[in-house]
Amino acid sequence: MSKKETRSAVVTGAGSGLGFATAKLLKKEGWTVFGTIIESQSPKDLEKLGITPIVVDIADPESTENAKRIVEE
């Protein structure tokens, strides 16, 4: 991978379990990672790893549009 080429991933359920493990592994491999979490989860563990946490409520169209904007920036 060239220095100009970056890989990005959006990992759903990154606040715990397999989602957290996947986000952590991708970050370790050099990816730019966005991890979705629910409002009741703390973003601190993701932030410590350099992962961008995004609070998403899939039942709220405004929430999903906000997540899309964050990733596209």
PDB file of N, CA and C in Angstrom:
ATOM      1  N   MET A   1       0.840  -1.174   0.000  1.00  0.00           N
ATOM      2  CA  MET A   1       0.000   0.000   0.000  1.00  0.00           C
ATOM      3  C   MET A   1       0.886   1.239   0.000  1.00  0.00           C
ATOM      4  N   SER A   2       0.649   2.156  -0.907  1.00  0.00           N
ATOM      5  CA  SER A   2       1.438   3.378  -0.979  1.00  0.00           C
ATOM      6  C   SER A   2       1.076   4.319   0.158  1.00  0.00           C
ATOM      7  N   LYS A   3       1.946   5.304   0.401  1.00  0.00           N
ATOM      8  CA  LYS A   3       1.690   6.254   1.475  1.00  0.00           C
ATOM      9  C   LYS A   3       0.426   7.062   1.223  1.00  0.00           C
ATOM     10  N   LYS A   4       0.074   7.307  -0.031  1.00  0.00           N
ATOM     11  CA  LYS A   4      -1.104   8.087  -0.358  1.00  0.00           C
ATOM     12  C   LYS A   4      -2.387   7.271  -0.225  1.00  0.00           C
ATOM     13  N   GLU A   5      -2.273   5.967  -0.341  1.00  0.00           N
ATOM     14  CA  GLU A   5      -3.439   5.096  -0.281  1.00  0.00           C
ATOM     15  C   GLU A   5      -3.796   4.797   1.168  1.00  0.00           C
ATOM     16  N   THR A   6      -5.045   5.021   1.528  1.00  0.00           N
ATOM     17  CA  THR A   6      -5.503   4.681   2.869  1.00  0.00           C
ATOM     18  C   THR A   6      -6.730   3.786   2.753  1.00  0.00           C
ATOM     19  N   ARG A   7      -6.894   2.957   3.718  1.00  0.00           N
ATOM     20  CA  ARG A   7      -8.056   2.078   3.772  1.00  0.00           C
ATOM     21  C   ARG A   7      -8.927   2.518   4.938  1.00  0.00           C
ATOM     22  N   SER A   8     -10.208   2.567   4.697  1.00  0.00           N
ATOM     23  CA  SER A   8     -11.159   2.969   5.728  1.00  0.00           C
ATOM     24  C   SER A   8     -12.220   1.901   5.899  1.00  0.00           C
ATOM     25  N   ALA A   9     -12.715   1.796   7.129  1.00  0.00           N
ATOM     26  CA  ALA A   9     -13.775   0.830   7.423  1.00  0.00           C
ATOM     27  C   ALA A   9     -14.754   1.430   8.414  1.00  0.00           C
ATOM     28  N   VAL A  10     -16.022   1.103   8.223  1.00  0.00           N
ATOM     29  CA  VAL A  10     -17.055   1.414   9.202  1.00  0.00           C
ATOM     30  C   VAL A  10     -17.438   0.085   9.842  1.00  0.00           C
ATOM     31  N   VAL A  11     -17.248  -0.002  11.145  1.00  0.00           N
ATOM     32  CA  VAL A  11     -17.540  -1.239  11.867  1.00  0.00           C
ATOM     33  C   VAL A  11     -18.771  -1.010  12.738  1.00  0.00           C
ATOM     34  N   THR A  12     -19.818  -1.754  12.468  1.00  0.00           N
ATOM     35  CA  THR A  12     -21.020  -1.637  13.289  1.00  0.00           C
ATOM     36  C   THR A  12     -20.854  -2.435  14.567  1.00  0.00           C
ATOM     37  N   GLY A  13     -21.503  -1.966  15.615  1.00  0.00           N
ATOM     38  CA  GLY A  13     -21.426  -2.666  16.898  1.00  0.00           C
ATOM     39  C   GLY A  13     -20.051  -2.631  17.511  1.00  0.00           C
ATOM     40  N   ALA A  14     -19.311  -1.537  17.282  1.00  0.00           N
ATOM     41  CA  ALA A  14     -17.920  -1.448  17.735  1.00  0.00           C
ATOM     42  C   ALA A  14     -17.770  -1.170  19.226  1.00  0.00           C
ATOM     43  N   GLY A  15     -18.870  -1.015  19.917  1.00  0.00           N
ATOM     44  CA  GLY A  15     -18.794  -0.728  21.350  1.00  0.00           C
ATOM     45  C   GLY A  15     -18.483  -1.936  22.206  1.00  0.00           C
ATOM     46  N   SER A  16     -18.619  -3.131  21.644  1.00  0.00           N
ATOM     47  CA  SER A  16     -18.353  -4.336  22.441  1.00  0.00           C
ATOM     48  C   SER A  16     -18.236  -5.560  21.533  1.00  0.00           C
ATOM     49  N   GLY A  17     -17.817  -6.649  22.118  1.00  0.00           N
ATOM     50  CA  GLY A  17     -17.806  -7.948  21.453  1.00  0.00           C
ATOM     51  C   GLY A  17     -17.025  -8.012  20.144  1.00  0.00           C
ATOM     52  N   LEU A  18     -17.604  -8.699  19.168  1.00  0.00           N
ATOM     53  CA  LEU A  18     -16.933  -8.901  17.879  1.00  0.00           C
ATOM     54  C   LEU A  18     -16.703  -7.590  17.138  1.00  0.00           C
ATOM     55  N   GLY A  19     -17.640  -6.659  17.256  1.00  0.00           N
ATOM     56  CA  GLY A  19     -17.468  -5.365  16.605  1.00  0.00           C
ATOM     57  C   GLY A  19     -16.255  -4.628  17.150  1.00  0.00           C
ATOM     58  N   PHE A  20     -16.086  -4.638  18.466  1.00  0.00           N
ATOM     59  CA  PHE A  20     -14.935  -3.991  19.089  1.00  0.00           C
ATOM     60  C   PHE A  20     -13.642  -4.680  18.664  1.00  0.00           C
ATOM     61  N   ALA A  21     -13.641  -5.994  18.690  1.00  0.00           N
ATOM     62  CA  ALA A  21     -12.447  -6.751  18.300  1.00  0.00           C
ATOM     63  C   ALA A  21     -12.076  -6.489  16.840  1.00  0.00           C
ATOM     64  N   THR A  22     -13.070  -6.419  15.979  1.00  0.00           N
ATOM     65  CA  THR A  22     -12.828  -6.162  14.562  1.00  0.00           C
ATOM     66  C   THR A  22     -12.264  -4.764  14.356  1.00  0.00           C
ATOM     67  N   ALA A  23     -12.860  -3.777  15.010  1.00  0.00           N
ATOM     68  CA  ALA A  23     -12.381  -2.399  14.897  1.00  0.00           C
ATOM     69  C   ALA A  23     -10.936  -2.276  15.388  1.00  0.00           C
ATOM     70  N   LYS A  24     -10.655  -2.918  16.490  1.00  0.00           N
ATOM     71  CA  LYS A  24      -9.309  -2.899  17.077  1.00  0.00           C
ATOM     72  C   LYS A  24      -8.283  -3.532  16.129  1.00  0.00           C
ATOM     73  N   LEU A  25      -8.631  -4.665  15.537  1.00  0.00           N
ATOM     74  CA  LEU A  25      -7.734  -5.361  14.610  1.00  0.00           C
ATOM     75  C   LEU A  25      -7.473  -4.514  13.361  1.00  0.00           C
ATOM     76  N   LEU A  26      -8.524  -3.958  12.792  1.00  0.00           N
ATOM     77  CA  LEU A  26      -8.348  -3.129  11.595  1.00  0.00           C
ATOM     78  C   LEU A  26      -7.460  -1.923  11.887  1.00  0.00           C
ATOM     79  N   LYS A  27      -7.674  -1.288  13.026  1.00  0.00           N
ATOM     80  CA  LYS A  27      -6.839  -0.137  13.404  1.00  0.00           C
ATOM     81  C   LYS A  27      -5.382  -0.566  13.540  1.00  0.00           C
ATOM     82  N   LYS A  28      -5.160  -1.700  14.169  1.00  0.00           N
ATOM     83  CA  LYS A  28      -3.800  -2.220  14.342  1.00  0.00           C
ATOM     84  C   LYS A  28      -3.134  -2.483  12.991  1.00  0.00           C
ATOM     85  N   GLU A  29      -3.928  -2.862  12.000  1.00  0.00           N
ATOM     86  CA  GLU A  29      -3.422  -3.130  10.654  1.00  0.00           C
ATOM     87  C   GLU A  29      -3.264  -1.855   9.819  1.00  0.00           C
ATOM     88  N   GLY A  30      -3.541  -0.699  10.425  1.00  0.00           N
ATOM     89  CA  GLY A  30      -3.305   0.571   9.741  1.00  0.00           C
ATOM     90  C   GLY A  30      -4.498   1.206   9.054  1.00  0.00           C
ATOM     91  N   TRP A  31      -5.662   0.646   9.245  1.00  0.00           N
ATOM     92  CA  TRP A  31      -6.866   1.192   8.627  1.00  0.00           C
ATOM     93  C   TRP A  31      -7.345   2.424   9.401  1.00  0.00           C
ATOM     94  N   THR A  32      -8.047   3.315   8.718  1.00  0.00           N
ATOM     95  CA  THR A  32      -8.818   4.368   9.367  1.00  0.00           C
ATOM     96  C   THR A  32     -10.149   3.728   9.715  1.00  0.00           C
ATOM     97  N   VAL A  33     -10.515   3.761  11.006  1.00  0.00           N
ATOM     98  CA  VAL A  33     -11.693   3.027  11.449  1.00  0.00           C
ATOM     99  C   VAL A  33     -12.715   3.963  12.092  1.00  0.00           C
ATOM    100  N   PHE A  34     -13.954   3.797  11.662  1.00  0.00           N
ATOM    101  CA  PHE A  34     -15.102   4.460  12.259  1.00  0.00           C
ATOM    102  C   PHE A  34     -15.924   3.358  12.912  1.00  0.00           C
ATOM    103  N   GLY A  35     -16.189   3.492  14.199  1.00  0.00           N
ATOM    104  CA  GLY A  35     -16.924   2.452  14.909  1.00  0.00           C
ATOM    105  C   GLY A  35     -18.263   2.955  15.394  1.00  0.00           C
ATOM    106  N   THR A  36     -19.345   2.313  14.967  1.00  0.00           N
ATOM    107  CA  THR A  36     -20.653   2.740  15.437  1.00  0.00           C
ATOM    108  C   THR A  36     -20.944   2.142  16.807  1.00  0.00           C
ATOM    109  N   ILE A  37     -21.554   2.973  17.631  1.00  0.00           N
ATOM    110  CA  ILE A  37     -21.958   2.573  18.981  1.00  0.00           C
ATOM    111  C   ILE A  37     -23.366   3.101  19.228  1.00  0.00           C
ATOM    112  N   ILE A  38     -24.010   2.555  20.243  1.00  0.00           N
ATOM    113  CA  ILE A  38     -25.308   3.082  20.636  1.00  0.00           C
ATOM    114  C   ILE A  38     -25.090   4.124  21.727  1.00  0.00           C
ATOM    115  N   GLU A  39     -26.096   4.948  21.941  1.00  0.00           N
ATOM    116  CA  GLU A  39     -25.970   6.101  22.840  1.00  0.00           C
ATOM    117  C   GLU A  39     -25.533   5.721  24.251  1.00  0.00           C
ATOM    118  N   SER A  40     -25.941   4.559  24.721  1.00  0.00           N
ATOM    119  CA  SER A  40     -25.616   4.166  26.097  1.00  0.00           C
ATOM    120  C   SER A  40     -24.174   3.680  26.265  1.00  0.00           C
ATOM    121  N   GLN A  41     -23.437   3.518  25.164  1.00  0.00           N
ATOM    122  CA  GLN A  41     -22.061   3.038  25.256  1.00  0.00           C
ATOM    123  C   GLN A  41     -21.080   4.212  25.288  1.00  0.00           C
ATOM    124  N   SER A  42     -20.011   4.033  26.034  1.00  0.00           N
ATOM    125  CA  SER A  42     -18.980   5.059  26.124  1.00  0.00           C
ATOM    126  C   SER A  42     -18.028   4.966  24.931  1.00  0.00           C
ATOM    127  N   PRO A  43     -17.684   6.112  24.349  1.00  0.00           N
ATOM    128  CA  PRO A  43     -16.744   6.116  23.226  1.00  0.00           C
ATOM    129  C   PRO A  43     -15.279   6.054  23.652  1.00  0.00           C
ATOM    130  N   LYS A  44     -15.014   6.108  24.948  1.00  0.00           N
ATOM    131  CA  LYS A  44     -13.639   6.257  25.442  1.00  0.00           C
ATOM    132  C   LYS A  44     -12.691   5.143  24.997  1.00  0.00           C
ATOM    133  N   ASP A  45     -13.128   3.888  25.049  1.00  0.00           N
ATOM    134  CA  ASP A  45     -12.241   2.787  24.661  1.00  0.00           C
ATOM    135  C   ASP A  45     -11.855   2.883  23.187  1.00  0.00           C
ATOM    136  N   LEU A  46     -12.804   3.274  22.343  1.00  0.00           N
ATOM    137  CA  LEU A  46     -12.507   3.432  20.921  1.00  0.00           C
ATOM    138  C   LEU A  46     -11.559   4.609  20.697  1.00  0.00           C
ATOM    139  N   GLU A  47     -11.840   5.703  21.355  1.00  0.00           N
ATOM    140  CA  GLU A  47     -10.999   6.898  21.206  1.00  0.00           C
ATOM    141  C   GLU A  47      -9.552   6.631  21.625  1.00  0.00           C
ATOM    142  N   LYS A  48      -9.362   5.858  22.691  1.00  0.00           N
ATOM    143  CA  LYS A  48      -8.007   5.519  23.154  1.00  0.00           C
ATOM    144  C   LYS A  48      -7.213   4.778  22.088  1.00  0.00           C
ATOM    145  N   LEU A  49      -7.922   4.029  21.233  1.00  0.00           N
ATOM    146  CA  LEU A  49      -7.273   3.256  20.177  1.00  0.00           C
ATOM    147  C   LEU A  49      -7.126   4.046  18.875  1.00  0.00           C
ATOM    148  N   GLY A  50      -7.637   5.268  18.857  1.00  0.00           N
ATOM    149  CA  GLY A  50      -7.565   6.066  17.641  1.00  0.00           C
ATOM    150  C   GLY A  50      -8.691   5.778  16.664  1.00  0.00           C
ATOM    151  N   ILE A  51      -9.742   5.162  17.158  1.00  0.00           N
ATOM    152  CA  ILE A  51     -10.916   4.835  16.349  1.00  0.00           C
ATOM    153  C   ILE A  51     -11.948   5.935  16.546  1.00  0.00           C
ATOM    154  N   THR A  52     -12.545   6.397  15.461  1.00  0.00           N
ATOM    155  CA  THR A  52     -13.564   7.434  15.542  1.00  0.00           C
ATOM    156  C   THR A  52     -14.910   6.807  15.893  1.00  0.00           C
ATOM    157  N   PRO A  53     -15.423   7.106  17.106  1.00  0.00           N
ATOM    158  CA  PRO A  53     -16.723   6.554  17.474  1.00  0.00           C
ATOM    159  C   PRO A  53     -17.853   7.391  16.871  1.00  0.00           C
ATOM    160  N   ILE A  54     -18.906   6.728  16.427  1.00  0.00           N
ATOM    161  CA  ILE A  54     -20.077   7.410  15.891  1.00  0.00           C
ATOM    162  C   ILE A  54     -21.311   6.811  16.564  1.00  0.00           C
ATOM    163  N   VAL A  55     -22.044   7.651  17.279  1.00  0.00           N
ATOM    164  CA  VAL A  55     -23.280   7.195  17.901  1.00  0.00           C
ATOM    165  C   VAL A  55     -24.352   7.138  16.821  1.00  0.00           C
ATOM    166  N   VAL A  56     -24.951   5.964  16.645  1.00  0.00           N
ATOM    167  CA  VAL A  56     -25.955   5.772  15.602  1.00  0.00           C
ATOM    168  C   VAL A  56     -27.183   5.065  16.176  1.00  0.00           C
ATOM    169  N   ASP A  57     -28.342   5.618  15.845  1.00  0.00           N
ATOM    170  CA  ASP A  57     -29.621   4.974  16.129  1.00  0.00           C
ATOM    171  C   ASP A  57     -30.244   4.701  14.772  1.00  0.00           C
ATOM    172  N   ILE A  58     -30.252   3.452  14.339  1.00  0.00           N
ATOM    173  CA  ILE A  58     -30.702   3.145  12.980  1.00  0.00           C
ATOM    174  C   ILE A  58     -32.178   3.455  12.754  1.00  0.00           C
ATOM    175  N   ALA A  59     -32.931   3.645  13.821  1.00  0.00           N
ATOM    176  CA  ALA A  59     -34.339   4.004  13.688  1.00  0.00           C
ATOM    177  C   ALA A  59     -34.528   5.507  13.456  1.00  0.00           C
ATOM    178  N   ASP A  60     -33.448   6.268  13.546  1.00  0.00           N
ATOM    179  CA  ASP A  60     -33.504   7.725  13.397  1.00  0.00           C
ATOM    180  C   ASP A  60     -32.759   8.141  12.130  1.00  0.00           C
ATOM    181  N   PRO A  61     -33.498   8.552  11.088  1.00  0.00           N
ATOM    182  CA  PRO A  61     -32.847   8.934   9.828  1.00  0.00           C
ATOM    183  C   PRO A  61     -31.813  10.053   9.990  1.00  0.00           C
ATOM    184  N   GLU A  62     -32.037  10.981  10.894  1.00  0.00           N
ATOM    185  CA  GLU A  62     -31.078  12.061  11.122  1.00  0.00           C
ATOM    186  C   GLU A  62     -29.762  11.505  11.679  1.00  0.00           C
ATOM    187  N   SER A  63     -29.861  10.515  12.537  1.00  0.00           N
ATOM    188  CA  SER A  63     -28.681   9.882  13.118  1.00  0.00           C
ATOM    189  C   SER A  63     -27.852   9.180  12.047  1.00  0.00           C
ATOM    190  N   THR A  64     -28.516   8.461  11.167  1.00  0.00           N
ATOM    191  CA  THR A  64     -27.779   7.751  10.117  1.00  0.00           C
ATOM    192  C   THR A  64     -27.179   8.721   9.100  1.00  0.00           C
ATOM    193  N   GLU A  65     -27.872   9.812   8.813  1.00  0.00           N
ATOM    194  CA  GLU A  65     -27.323  10.830   7.907  1.00  0.00           C
ATOM    195  C   GLU A  65     -26.097  11.496   8.534  1.00  0.00           C
ATOM    196  N   ASN A  66     -26.149  11.735   9.840  1.00  0.00           N
ATOM    197  CA  ASN A  66     -25.006  12.322  10.542  1.00  0.00           C
ATOM    198  C   ASN A  66     -23.802  11.380  10.468  1.00  0.00           C
ATOM    199  N   ALA A  67     -24.034  10.092  10.648  1.00  0.00           N
ATOM    200  CA  ALA A  67     -22.953   9.111  10.564  1.00  0.00           C
ATOM    201  C   ALA A  67     -22.330   9.132   9.159  1.00  0.00           C
ATOM    202  N   LYS A  68     -23.154   9.210   8.160  1.00  0.00           N
ATOM    203  CA  LYS A  68     -22.676   9.274   6.791  1.00  0.00           C
ATOM    204  C   LYS A  68     -21.803  10.502   6.562  1.00  0.00           C
ATOM    205  N   ARG A  69     -22.235  11.636   7.083  1.00  0.00           N
ATOM    206  CA  ARG A  69     -21.447  12.877   6.946  1.00  0.00           C
ATOM    207  C   ARG A  69     -20.076  12.745   7.615  1.00  0.00           C
ATOM    208  N   ILE A  70     -20.050  12.155   8.795  1.00  0.00           N
ATOM    209  CA  ILE A  70     -18.780  11.998   9.522  1.00  0.00           C
ATOM    210  C   ILE A  70     -17.807  11.145   8.716  1.00  0.00           C
ATOM    211  N   VAL A  71     -18.288  10.061   8.167  1.00  0.00           N
ATOM    212  CA  VAL A  71     -17.424   9.151   7.415  1.00  0.00           C
ATOM    213  C   VAL A  71     -16.925   9.812   6.122  1.00  0.00           C
ATOM    214  N   GLU A  72     -17.780  10.565   5.475  1.00  0.00           N
ATOM    215  CA  GLU A  72     -17.414  11.189   4.209  1.00  0.00           C
ATOM    216  C   GLU A  72     -16.424  12.343   4.347  1.00  0.00           C
ATOM    217  N   GLU A  73     -16.323  12.920   5.541  1.00  0.00           N
ATOM    218  CA  GLU A  73     -15.409  14.061   5.745  1.00  0.00           C
ATOM    219  C   GLU A  73     -13.994  13.681   5.679  1.00  0.00           C
TER     220      GLU A  73
END
